[in-house]
N, C-alpha and C. Protein backbone atom coordinates (compact mmCIF):
# COMPACT_ATOMS: atom_id res chain seq x y z
N MET A 1 99.79 83.21 103.32
CA MET A 1 98.36 83.34 103.43
C MET A 1 97.96 84.71 103.97
N ALA A 2 98.73 85.20 104.92
CA ALA A 2 98.42 86.51 105.51
C ALA A 2 98.59 87.62 104.48
N GLU A 3 99.60 87.47 103.61
CA GLU A 3 99.82 88.49 102.58
C GLU A 3 98.69 88.50 101.57
N ALA A 4 98.17 87.33 101.22
CA ALA A 4 97.04 87.25 100.29
C ALA A 4 95.79 87.87 100.92
N PHE A 5 95.58 87.63 102.20
CA PHE A 5 94.43 88.22 102.90
C PHE A 5 94.57 89.73 102.98
N ARG A 6 95.79 90.22 103.19
CA ARG A 6 96.04 91.66 103.26
C ARG A 6 95.75 92.32 101.91
N LYS A 7 96.16 91.65 100.81
CA LYS A 7 95.88 92.19 99.49
C LYS A 7 94.39 92.19 99.20
N LEU A 8 93.70 91.14 99.61
CA LEU A 8 92.25 91.07 99.42
C LEU A 8 91.55 92.19 100.19
N MET A 9 91.97 92.44 101.40
CA MET A 9 91.39 93.52 102.20
C MET A 9 91.68 94.88 101.59
N ALA A 10 92.87 95.05 101.02
CA ALA A 10 93.21 96.32 100.38
C ALA A 10 92.32 96.57 99.17
N TRP A 11 92.10 95.54 98.36
CA TRP A 11 91.22 95.70 97.19
C TRP A 11 89.78 95.93 97.62
N ALA A 12 89.34 95.24 98.66
CA ALA A 12 87.97 95.45 99.16
C ALA A 12 87.81 96.88 99.66
N SER A 13 88.81 97.39 100.36
CA SER A 13 88.76 98.76 100.85
C SER A 13 88.68 99.74 99.69
N PHE A 14 89.44 99.49 98.63
CA PHE A 14 89.43 100.37 97.47
C PHE A 14 88.04 100.38 96.81
N PHE A 15 87.49 99.20 96.55
CA PHE A 15 86.21 99.13 95.86
C PHE A 15 85.05 99.68 96.70
N ILE A 16 85.06 99.39 98.00
CA ILE A 16 84.01 99.92 98.86
C ILE A 16 84.13 101.44 98.97
N GLY A 17 85.36 101.95 99.05
CA GLY A 17 85.57 103.40 99.11
C GLY A 17 85.15 104.10 97.83
N ALA A 18 85.48 103.49 96.68
CA ALA A 18 85.09 104.09 95.41
C ALA A 18 83.57 104.09 95.24
N THR A 19 82.94 103.01 95.62
CA THR A 19 81.47 102.94 95.54
C THR A 19 80.83 103.93 96.50
N GLY A 20 81.40 104.07 97.70
CA GLY A 20 80.90 105.04 98.65
C GLY A 20 81.02 106.46 98.15
N MET A 21 82.13 106.77 97.49
CA MET A 21 82.30 108.11 96.91
C MET A 21 81.28 108.34 95.81
N GLY A 22 80.99 107.29 95.03
CA GLY A 22 79.97 107.40 93.99
C GLY A 22 78.60 107.69 94.56
N PHE A 23 78.23 106.98 95.63
CA PHE A 23 76.94 107.24 96.27
C PHE A 23 76.88 108.64 96.87
N LEU A 24 77.99 109.08 97.45
CA LEU A 24 78.01 110.43 98.02
C LEU A 24 77.84 111.49 96.94
N MET A 25 78.51 111.32 95.81
CA MET A 25 78.34 112.27 94.70
C MET A 25 76.94 112.19 94.12
N LEU A 26 76.37 110.98 94.08
CA LEU A 26 75.00 110.82 93.60
C LEU A 26 74.03 111.59 94.49
N GLY A 27 74.20 111.49 95.79
CA GLY A 27 73.33 112.21 96.71
C GLY A 27 73.44 113.72 96.55
N VAL A 28 74.66 114.21 96.35
CA VAL A 28 74.85 115.65 96.14
C VAL A 28 74.19 116.09 94.85
N MET A 29 74.37 115.32 93.78
CA MET A 29 73.76 115.69 92.50
C MET A 29 72.23 115.60 92.57
N MET A 30 71.72 114.64 93.33
CA MET A 30 70.26 114.55 93.51
C MET A 30 69.74 115.78 94.23
N ALA A 31 70.48 116.23 95.23
CA ALA A 31 70.05 117.41 95.99
C ALA A 31 70.15 118.68 95.15
N VAL A 32 71.19 118.80 94.35
CA VAL A 32 71.39 120.00 93.55
C VAL A 32 70.35 120.11 92.44
N THR A 33 70.11 119.00 91.75
CA THR A 33 69.20 119.04 90.60
C THR A 33 67.74 118.81 90.98
N GLY A 34 67.48 118.32 92.17
CA GLY A 34 66.11 118.08 92.59
C GLY A 34 65.50 116.82 91.99
N ILE A 35 66.33 115.94 91.46
CA ILE A 35 65.85 114.68 90.88
C ILE A 35 65.98 113.59 91.93
N GLY A 36 64.97 112.75 92.04
CA GLY A 36 65.01 111.64 92.99
C GLY A 36 64.20 111.94 94.23
N ARG A 37 63.95 110.90 94.99
CA ARG A 37 63.09 111.04 96.16
C ARG A 37 63.83 111.44 97.43
N ASN A 38 64.97 110.80 97.68
CA ASN A 38 65.63 111.03 98.96
C ASN A 38 67.15 111.12 98.78
N PRO A 39 67.66 112.32 98.54
CA PRO A 39 69.12 112.43 98.37
C PRO A 39 69.90 112.17 99.65
N LEU A 40 69.28 112.37 100.80
CA LEU A 40 69.98 112.10 102.06
C LEU A 40 70.25 110.61 102.25
N LEU A 41 69.37 109.77 101.74
CA LEU A 41 69.60 108.33 101.83
C LEU A 41 70.82 107.93 101.02
N ALA A 42 70.93 108.43 99.80
CA ALA A 42 72.10 108.12 98.96
C ALA A 42 73.37 108.66 99.61
N SER A 43 73.32 109.86 100.17
CA SER A 43 74.50 110.42 100.84
C SER A 43 74.85 109.61 102.08
N GLY A 44 73.85 109.18 102.81
CA GLY A 44 74.10 108.36 104.01
C GLY A 44 74.72 107.03 103.67
N ILE A 45 74.23 106.39 102.61
CA ILE A 45 74.83 105.13 102.16
C ILE A 45 76.29 105.36 101.78
N GLY A 46 76.57 106.45 101.08
CA GLY A 46 77.94 106.76 100.69
C GLY A 46 78.84 106.98 101.89
N LEU A 47 78.36 107.70 102.89
CA LEU A 47 79.18 107.94 104.09
C LEU A 47 79.45 106.66 104.86
N VAL A 48 78.44 105.79 104.95
CA VAL A 48 78.64 104.52 105.65
C VAL A 48 79.65 103.65 104.90
N MET A 49 79.57 103.66 103.57
CA MET A 49 80.54 102.87 102.80
C MET A 49 81.95 103.43 102.94
N LEU A 50 82.09 104.76 102.97
CA LEU A 50 83.42 105.35 103.17
C LEU A 50 83.97 105.03 104.56
N LEU A 51 83.10 105.04 105.57
CA LEU A 51 83.53 104.67 106.92
C LEU A 51 83.97 103.22 106.96
N THR A 52 83.22 102.34 106.30
CA THR A 52 83.58 100.93 106.25
C THR A 52 84.93 100.74 105.55
N ALA A 53 85.15 101.46 104.46
CA ALA A 53 86.44 101.36 103.76
C ALA A 53 87.58 101.87 104.64
N SER A 54 87.32 102.90 105.42
CA SER A 54 88.34 103.42 106.32
C SER A 54 88.68 102.39 107.41
N LEU A 55 87.67 101.73 107.94
CA LEU A 55 87.92 100.71 108.96
C LEU A 55 88.68 99.51 108.38
N ILE A 56 88.33 99.11 107.16
CA ILE A 56 89.03 97.99 106.52
C ILE A 56 90.48 98.36 106.25
N SER A 57 90.72 99.57 105.77
CA SER A 57 92.10 99.97 105.47
C SER A 57 92.92 100.08 106.75
N GLY A 58 92.27 100.40 107.85
CA GLY A 58 92.98 100.44 109.12
C GLY A 58 93.50 99.08 109.53
N LYS A 59 92.80 98.02 109.15
CA LYS A 59 93.24 96.66 109.46
C LYS A 59 94.16 96.10 108.38
N ALA A 60 94.01 96.56 107.14
CA ALA A 60 94.77 95.98 106.03
C ALA A 60 96.17 96.55 105.91
N PHE A 61 96.37 97.81 106.24
CA PHE A 61 97.66 98.45 106.03
C PHE A 61 98.36 98.70 107.36
N PRO A 62 99.69 98.55 107.40
CA PRO A 62 100.41 98.85 108.64
C PRO A 62 100.42 100.36 108.88
N ARG A 63 100.50 100.73 110.14
CA ARG A 63 100.53 102.14 110.52
C ARG A 63 101.86 102.48 111.16
N CYS A 64 102.27 103.72 110.98
CA CYS A 64 103.48 104.21 111.60
C CYS A 64 103.20 104.46 113.09
N PRO A 65 104.04 103.95 113.99
CA PRO A 65 103.79 104.20 115.41
C PRO A 65 104.05 105.64 115.82
N ARG A 66 104.84 106.36 115.05
CA ARG A 66 105.16 107.74 115.42
C ARG A 66 104.08 108.72 114.99
N CYS A 67 103.65 108.67 113.71
CA CYS A 67 102.71 109.69 113.22
C CYS A 67 101.34 109.11 112.86
N GLY A 68 101.19 107.78 112.79
CA GLY A 68 99.90 107.18 112.50
C GLY A 68 99.57 107.09 111.02
N SER A 69 100.50 107.41 110.15
CA SER A 69 100.26 107.38 108.71
C SER A 69 100.29 105.94 108.21
N ASP A 70 99.54 105.67 107.13
CA ASP A 70 99.61 104.35 106.52
C ASP A 70 100.42 104.37 105.22
N LEU A 71 101.16 105.44 104.99
CA LEU A 71 102.02 105.55 103.81
C LEU A 71 103.38 104.96 104.12
N ILE A 72 103.45 103.63 104.13
CA ILE A 72 104.68 102.94 104.48
C ILE A 72 105.17 102.20 103.24
N GLU A 73 106.44 102.43 102.92
CA GLU A 73 107.03 101.80 101.75
C GLU A 73 108.41 101.29 102.12
N ASP A 74 108.64 100.02 101.87
CA ASP A 74 109.93 99.37 102.16
C ASP A 74 110.33 99.52 103.62
N GLY A 75 109.36 99.44 104.53
CA GLY A 75 109.66 99.51 105.95
C GLY A 75 109.92 100.89 106.49
N ARG A 76 109.72 101.94 105.69
CA ARG A 76 109.94 103.31 106.15
C ARG A 76 108.67 104.12 105.94
N CYS A 77 108.36 104.97 106.91
CA CYS A 77 107.22 105.87 106.80
C CYS A 77 107.57 106.98 105.84
N GLN A 78 106.68 107.25 104.90
CA GLN A 78 106.93 108.28 103.89
C GLN A 78 106.63 109.69 104.41
N VAL A 79 106.00 109.79 105.58
CA VAL A 79 105.64 111.10 106.13
C VAL A 79 106.72 111.60 107.08
N CYS A 80 107.07 110.78 108.08
CA CYS A 80 108.02 111.24 109.09
C CYS A 80 109.38 110.55 108.99
N ASP A 81 109.58 109.67 108.00
CA ASP A 81 110.85 108.98 107.73
C ASP A 81 111.26 108.07 108.89
N TYR A 82 110.29 107.50 109.58
CA TYR A 82 110.56 106.57 110.68
C TYR A 82 110.83 105.19 110.10
N ASP A 83 111.85 104.51 110.57
CA ASP A 83 112.20 103.18 110.08
C ASP A 83 111.50 102.16 110.96
N LEU A 84 110.54 101.44 110.39
CA LEU A 84 109.78 100.46 111.16
C LEU A 84 110.57 99.19 111.41
N ARG A 85 111.62 98.94 110.65
CA ARG A 85 112.43 97.74 110.82
C ARG A 85 113.48 97.90 111.91
N ARG A 86 113.61 99.10 112.43
CA ARG A 86 114.66 99.39 113.42
C ARG A 86 114.40 98.62 114.72
N GLU A 87 115.44 98.02 115.26
CA GLU A 87 115.34 97.29 116.52
C GLU A 87 115.57 98.24 117.68
N ARG A 88 114.86 98.02 118.76
CA ARG A 88 115.01 98.89 119.93
C ARG A 88 115.84 98.24 120.97
């Protein structure tokens, strides 16, 4: 059950992050072209969605205790090569 919840949170983080990036690009294009009423609102919505995706990914993915990276594959950190399965 925990693995299914983790996968659901990972997908939610992906979709919220992608939508947030879309809103952020929309706000930039609104500001550049002068189309639309409030480009700062669209940019603000995008930033809030990106922050939400970052918080969700922080809970969904394991972190390396040495460097803080979430790039963990097969129990090893891909950045600093720390083995998370190692017993102390």
